[in-house]
Amino acid sequence: MISLGAISRNIMYRQDAARSLAEHPGYGWNKAQTRIRCSGVACAEVLDVPAGPDSGEDVIVYARHQADQLPDVEPTQVPDPEPEPTPEPADDPEQDLKPEGGQATPEPAGEEPMEQALSEAALAVADPTTAPKIRRDTKALTATIEEIKKGDRVSATFSHPRYGIFTVEGTVIKGGAGQDRNQLMVAGWHLNLNARAAKHLHELTILAPAGKHEFAIPKPSELTEHVGIGN
């Protein structure tokens, strides 16, 4: 229940505001009694009227004919907060996989990088008329495939009709969901299909066997997005 004192204060507040708005007979209060909509022709001005009975300070009230015709006015000038420093952009793990001039990009030591497929957005479309030709030594690839195992650090060169020729360096992991457990990958690209080299693999070099290099060995992935590219 509203007290008589509160009702009295509210009536006095509205009377004070009415005197300030004497030249605007066509106005009406909103439910919160904080703003006024005026139907008069001289409504596009900002009027200082007494605040509500519980405010204790003046407020700026809009007497307006159309809300979007009034200028924007800030009742209180608040100093802008100090801008927060812009954080440095996070390293994009796919940038380490982007081939540049056919050279491998090593991963940082001591970390556990996720072996990801090369991003199509980060790879240039190959031009078959200008791309260099490399000879695929099937026997050498098969021999290396027989030696390679999970955890080995390798350098692998692939030739793809869309991405061209590029080399990646990474740690060998097992294939993903739905793959033969003997399926091996590096940086999201298949190295083998059973005992044969994958169709896009052209060169493969074992840089260091498992346990003999400083790079972390990623855990086997069963996620479908890590199945691999290029059987």
Protein backbone atom coordinates (compact mmCIF):
# COMPACT_ATOMS: atom_id res chain seq x y z
CA MET A 1 0.00 0.00 0.00
CA ILE A 2 1.32 3.47 -0.95
CA SER A 3 1.54 5.86 1.99
CA LEU A 4 -0.21 9.24 2.02
CA GLY A 5 3.20 10.90 2.30
CA ALA A 6 4.42 9.26 -0.90
CA ILE A 7 1.22 10.23 -2.71
CA SER A 8 1.60 13.82 -1.51
CA ARG A 9 5.23 14.02 -2.65
CA ASN A 10 4.30 12.61 -6.04
CA ILE A 11 1.49 15.15 -6.48
CA MET A 12 3.85 18.02 -5.59
CA TYR A 13 6.42 16.71 -8.06
CA ARG A 14 3.89 16.56 -10.89
CA GLN A 15 2.66 20.07 -10.03
CA ASP A 16 6.21 21.46 -10.17
CA ALA A 17 6.76 19.75 -13.51
CA ALA A 18 3.45 21.09 -14.82
CA ARG A 19 4.58 24.66 -14.10
CA SER A 20 7.79 24.05 -16.04
CA LEU A 21 5.76 22.70 -18.96
CA ALA A 22 3.09 25.42 -18.99
CA GLU A 23 3.77 26.20 -22.65
CA HIS A 24 3.21 22.58 -23.63
CA PRO A 25 -0.46 21.87 -22.90
CA GLY A 26 -0.58 18.79 -25.12
CA TYR A 27 1.80 16.55 -23.20
CA GLY A 28 1.26 13.31 -21.33
CA TRP A 29 3.36 11.40 -18.80
CA ASN A 30 4.64 7.91 -19.27
CA LYS A 31 3.88 5.27 -16.64
CA ALA A 32 7.22 5.75 -14.91
CA GLN A 33 6.66 9.54 -14.86
CA THR A 34 10.15 10.14 -16.19
CA ARG A 35 9.37 11.23 -19.75
CA ILE A 36 6.76 13.27 -21.53
CA ARG A 37 5.22 12.91 -24.97
CA CYS A 38 3.99 16.23 -26.29
CA SER A 39 1.61 16.78 -29.19
CA GLY A 40 2.39 20.49 -29.44
CA VAL A 41 4.23 22.13 -32.32
CA ALA A 42 7.07 23.41 -30.08
CA CYS A 43 7.90 20.08 -28.50
CA ALA A 44 11.35 19.46 -29.97
CA GLU A 45 13.23 20.93 -27.04
CA VAL A 46 14.79 19.60 -23.86
CA LEU A 47 13.22 20.80 -20.60
CA ASP A 48 14.65 20.72 -17.10
CA VAL A 49 11.93 19.59 -14.71
CA PRO A 50 12.12 18.51 -11.08
CA ALA A 51 13.03 14.90 -10.49
CA GLY A 52 10.74 12.29 -9.04
CA PRO A 53 9.98 12.40 -5.33
CA ASP A 54 12.63 9.77 -4.55
CA SER A 55 15.38 11.07 -6.83
CA GLY A 56 16.64 14.15 -5.03
CA GLU A 57 18.16 15.75 -8.15
CA ASP A 58 17.10 17.33 -11.43
CA VAL A 59 16.63 15.11 -14.44
CA ILE A 60 16.39 15.93 -18.13
CA VAL A 61 12.96 15.07 -19.52
CA TYR A 62 12.12 14.96 -23.21
CA ALA A 63 8.95 16.79 -24.29
CA ARG A 64 8.51 15.52 -27.78
CA HIS A 65 6.14 15.17 -30.68
CA GLN A 66 7.99 12.34 -32.38
CA ALA A 67 10.70 10.48 -30.51
CA ASP A 68 13.01 10.18 -33.50
CA GLN A 69 12.86 13.94 -34.22
CA LEU A 70 14.53 14.90 -30.95
CA PRO A 71 18.26 15.36 -30.54
CA ASP A 72 20.07 12.79 -28.44
CA VAL A 73 20.90 14.27 -25.04
CA GLU A 74 22.84 12.57 -22.29
CA PRO A 75 21.39 13.42 -18.86
CA THR A 76 24.69 12.81 -17.10
CA GLN A 77 28.17 13.38 -18.38
CA VAL A 78 30.21 10.35 -17.41
CA PRO A 79 33.91 10.33 -18.27
CA ASP A 80 34.89 7.60 -20.67
CA PRO A 81 36.67 4.69 -19.01
CA GLU A 82 40.29 4.09 -19.81
CA PRO A 83 40.48 1.87 -22.88
CA GLU A 84 41.66 -1.63 -22.17
CA PRO A 85 44.80 -2.72 -23.99
CA THR A 86 44.07 -4.69 -27.11
CA PRO A 87 45.15 -8.29 -26.59
CA GLU A 88 47.67 -9.72 -28.97
CA PRO A 89 46.02 -12.00 -31.55
CA ALA A 90 46.34 -15.67 -30.76
CA ASP A 91 48.61 -17.75 -32.92
CA ASP A 92 46.73 -19.58 -35.63
CA PRO A 93 47.82 -23.23 -35.54
CA GLU A 94 47.04 -23.53 -39.23
CA GLN A 95 49.64 -20.89 -40.09
CA ASP A 96 52.38 -23.32 -39.07
CA LEU A 97 51.05 -25.71 -41.68
CA LYS A 98 50.90 -23.24 -44.55
CA PRO A 99 53.54 -24.17 -47.12
CA GLU A 100 55.87 -21.41 -48.21
CA GLY A 101 58.19 -22.21 -51.08
CA GLY A 102 57.94 -25.92 -50.39
CA GLN A 103 59.77 -25.60 -47.06
CA ALA A 104 58.58 -27.33 -43.91
CA THR A 105 57.58 -25.22 -40.92
CA PRO A 106 58.72 -26.86 -37.64
CA GLU A 107 56.47 -26.85 -34.58
CA PRO A 108 57.62 -25.09 -31.37
CA ALA A 109 59.45 -27.36 -28.96
CA GLY A 110 57.91 -28.47 -25.68
CA GLU A 111 54.28 -27.97 -26.74
CA GLU A 112 51.52 -30.40 -27.68
CA PRO A 113 50.31 -29.10 -31.07
CA MET A 114 47.19 -30.66 -32.53
CA GLU A 115 47.94 -32.15 -35.89
CA GLN A 116 45.33 -30.54 -38.13
CA ALA A 117 44.45 -30.80 -41.80
CA LEU A 118 45.83 -28.08 -43.98
CA SER A 119 43.20 -25.37 -44.27
CA GLU A 120 41.81 -24.97 -47.77
CA ALA A 121 41.49 -21.26 -47.13
CA ALA A 122 45.20 -21.02 -46.31
CA LEU A 123 46.39 -22.87 -49.38
CA ALA A 124 46.80 -21.37 -52.82
CA VAL A 125 45.18 -23.07 -55.77
CA ALA A 126 47.86 -24.81 -57.78
CA ASP A 127 48.59 -23.80 -61.34
CA PRO A 128 49.43 -27.02 -63.24
CA THR A 129 51.20 -25.05 -65.98
CA THR A 130 53.74 -23.47 -63.63
CA ALA A 131 53.96 -25.98 -60.78
CA PRO A 132 57.30 -27.83 -60.60
CA LYS A 133 57.27 -31.53 -61.38
CA ILE A 134 58.61 -34.06 -58.89
CA ARG A 135 59.23 -37.72 -59.53
CA ARG A 136 57.50 -40.20 -57.23
CA ASP A 137 59.80 -43.01 -56.12
CA THR A 138 57.24 -45.67 -55.21
CA LYS A 139 59.81 -48.23 -54.04
CA ALA A 140 61.53 -45.76 -51.73
CA LEU A 141 58.21 -44.63 -50.31
CA THR A 142 57.11 -48.20 -49.65
CA ALA A 143 60.37 -48.97 -47.87
CA THR A 144 60.02 -45.90 -45.66
CA ILE A 145 56.36 -46.70 -44.93
CA GLU A 146 57.46 -50.12 -43.63
CA GLU A 147 59.83 -48.46 -41.15
CA ILE A 148 57.69 -45.58 -39.96
CA LYS A 149 55.64 -45.75 -36.75
CA LYS A 150 53.58 -43.55 -34.48
CA GLY A 151 55.65 -40.84 -32.78
CA ASP A 152 58.31 -40.57 -35.47
CA ARG A 153 59.22 -37.06 -36.56
CA VAL A 154 58.98 -36.85 -40.35
CA SER A 155 59.16 -34.50 -43.28
CA ALA A 156 56.54 -35.31 -45.91
CA THR A 157 56.10 -33.81 -49.37
CA PHE A 158 52.67 -34.01 -50.98
CA SER A 159 51.48 -33.22 -54.49
CA HIS A 160 47.80 -32.33 -54.80
CA PRO A 161 45.96 -31.15 -57.95
CA ARG A 162 44.38 -28.28 -56.05
CA TYR A 163 47.03 -27.34 -53.49
CA GLY A 164 50.14 -28.01 -55.54
CA ILE A 165 53.40 -29.30 -54.07
CA PHE A 166 54.12 -28.61 -50.41
CA THR A 167 56.12 -30.05 -47.53
CA VAL A 168 55.06 -30.42 -43.91
CA GLU A 169 57.03 -31.44 -40.86
CA GLY A 170 55.26 -33.11 -37.97
CA THR A 171 54.88 -36.02 -35.61
CA VAL A 172 53.20 -39.15 -36.94
CA ILE A 173 49.87 -40.12 -35.35
CA LYS A 174 47.40 -42.95 -35.86
CA GLY A 175 44.33 -42.54 -38.08
CA GLY A 176 40.98 -41.31 -36.81
CA ALA A 177 37.47 -42.76 -36.56
CA GLY A 178 36.62 -45.44 -39.08
CA GLN A 179 40.28 -45.89 -40.06
CA ASP A 180 42.49 -48.93 -39.92
CA ARG A 181 44.63 -48.64 -36.77
CA ASN A 182 47.65 -49.00 -39.05
CA GLN A 183 46.64 -45.81 -40.87
CA LEU A 184 49.31 -43.15 -40.24
CA MET A 185 48.99 -39.40 -40.69
CA VAL A 186 51.03 -36.25 -40.35
CA ALA A 187 49.48 -32.78 -40.14
CA GLY A 188 46.13 -34.24 -41.16
CA TRP A 189 47.42 -35.91 -44.34
CA HIS A 190 47.53 -39.67 -44.89
CA LEU A 191 50.94 -41.25 -45.26
CA ASN A 192 49.82 -44.73 -46.21
CA LEU A 193 46.96 -46.90 -47.35
CA ASN A 194 47.62 -50.28 -45.76
CA ALA A 195 51.19 -51.13 -46.86
CA ARG A 196 51.25 -48.68 -49.76
CA ALA A 197 52.03 -44.97 -49.80
CA ALA A 198 49.06 -42.61 -49.93
CA LYS A 199 48.29 -41.36 -53.43
CA HIS A 200 49.30 -37.72 -52.74
CA LEU A 201 52.52 -38.59 -50.86
CA HIS A 202 55.62 -38.05 -53.02
CA GLU A 203 58.53 -37.90 -50.58
CA LEU A 204 58.90 -39.07 -46.97
CA THR A 205 61.90 -38.68 -44.68
CA ILE A 206 62.18 -39.84 -41.07
CA LEU A 207 63.88 -36.97 -39.24
CA ALA A 208 63.95 -38.65 -35.82
CA PRO A 209 62.40 -41.83 -34.44
CA ALA A 210 59.89 -41.71 -31.61
CA GLY A 211 61.54 -40.81 -28.31
CA LYS A 212 64.57 -39.28 -30.00
CA HIS A 213 63.19 -35.79 -30.66
CA GLU A 214 62.02 -32.93 -28.44
CA PHE A 215 58.51 -32.60 -29.83
CA ALA A 216 55.47 -33.87 -27.99
CA ILE A 217 53.60 -36.83 -29.45
CA PRO A 218 49.91 -35.97 -29.90
CA LYS A 219 47.41 -38.43 -28.50
CA PRO A 220 45.55 -40.63 -31.01
CA SER A 221 42.44 -38.89 -32.30
CA GLU A 222 39.12 -40.60 -32.95
CA LEU A 223 37.34 -37.40 -33.99
CA THR A 224 35.85 -37.52 -37.45
CA GLU A 225 37.37 -34.16 -38.38
CA HIS A 226 40.83 -35.65 -37.79
CA VAL A 227 40.31 -38.60 -40.12
CA GLY A 228 42.80 -37.22 -42.60
CA ILE A 229 43.13 -36.14 -46.21
CA GLY A 230 44.33 -38.00 -49.26
CA ASN A 231 44.02 -41.77 -49.01
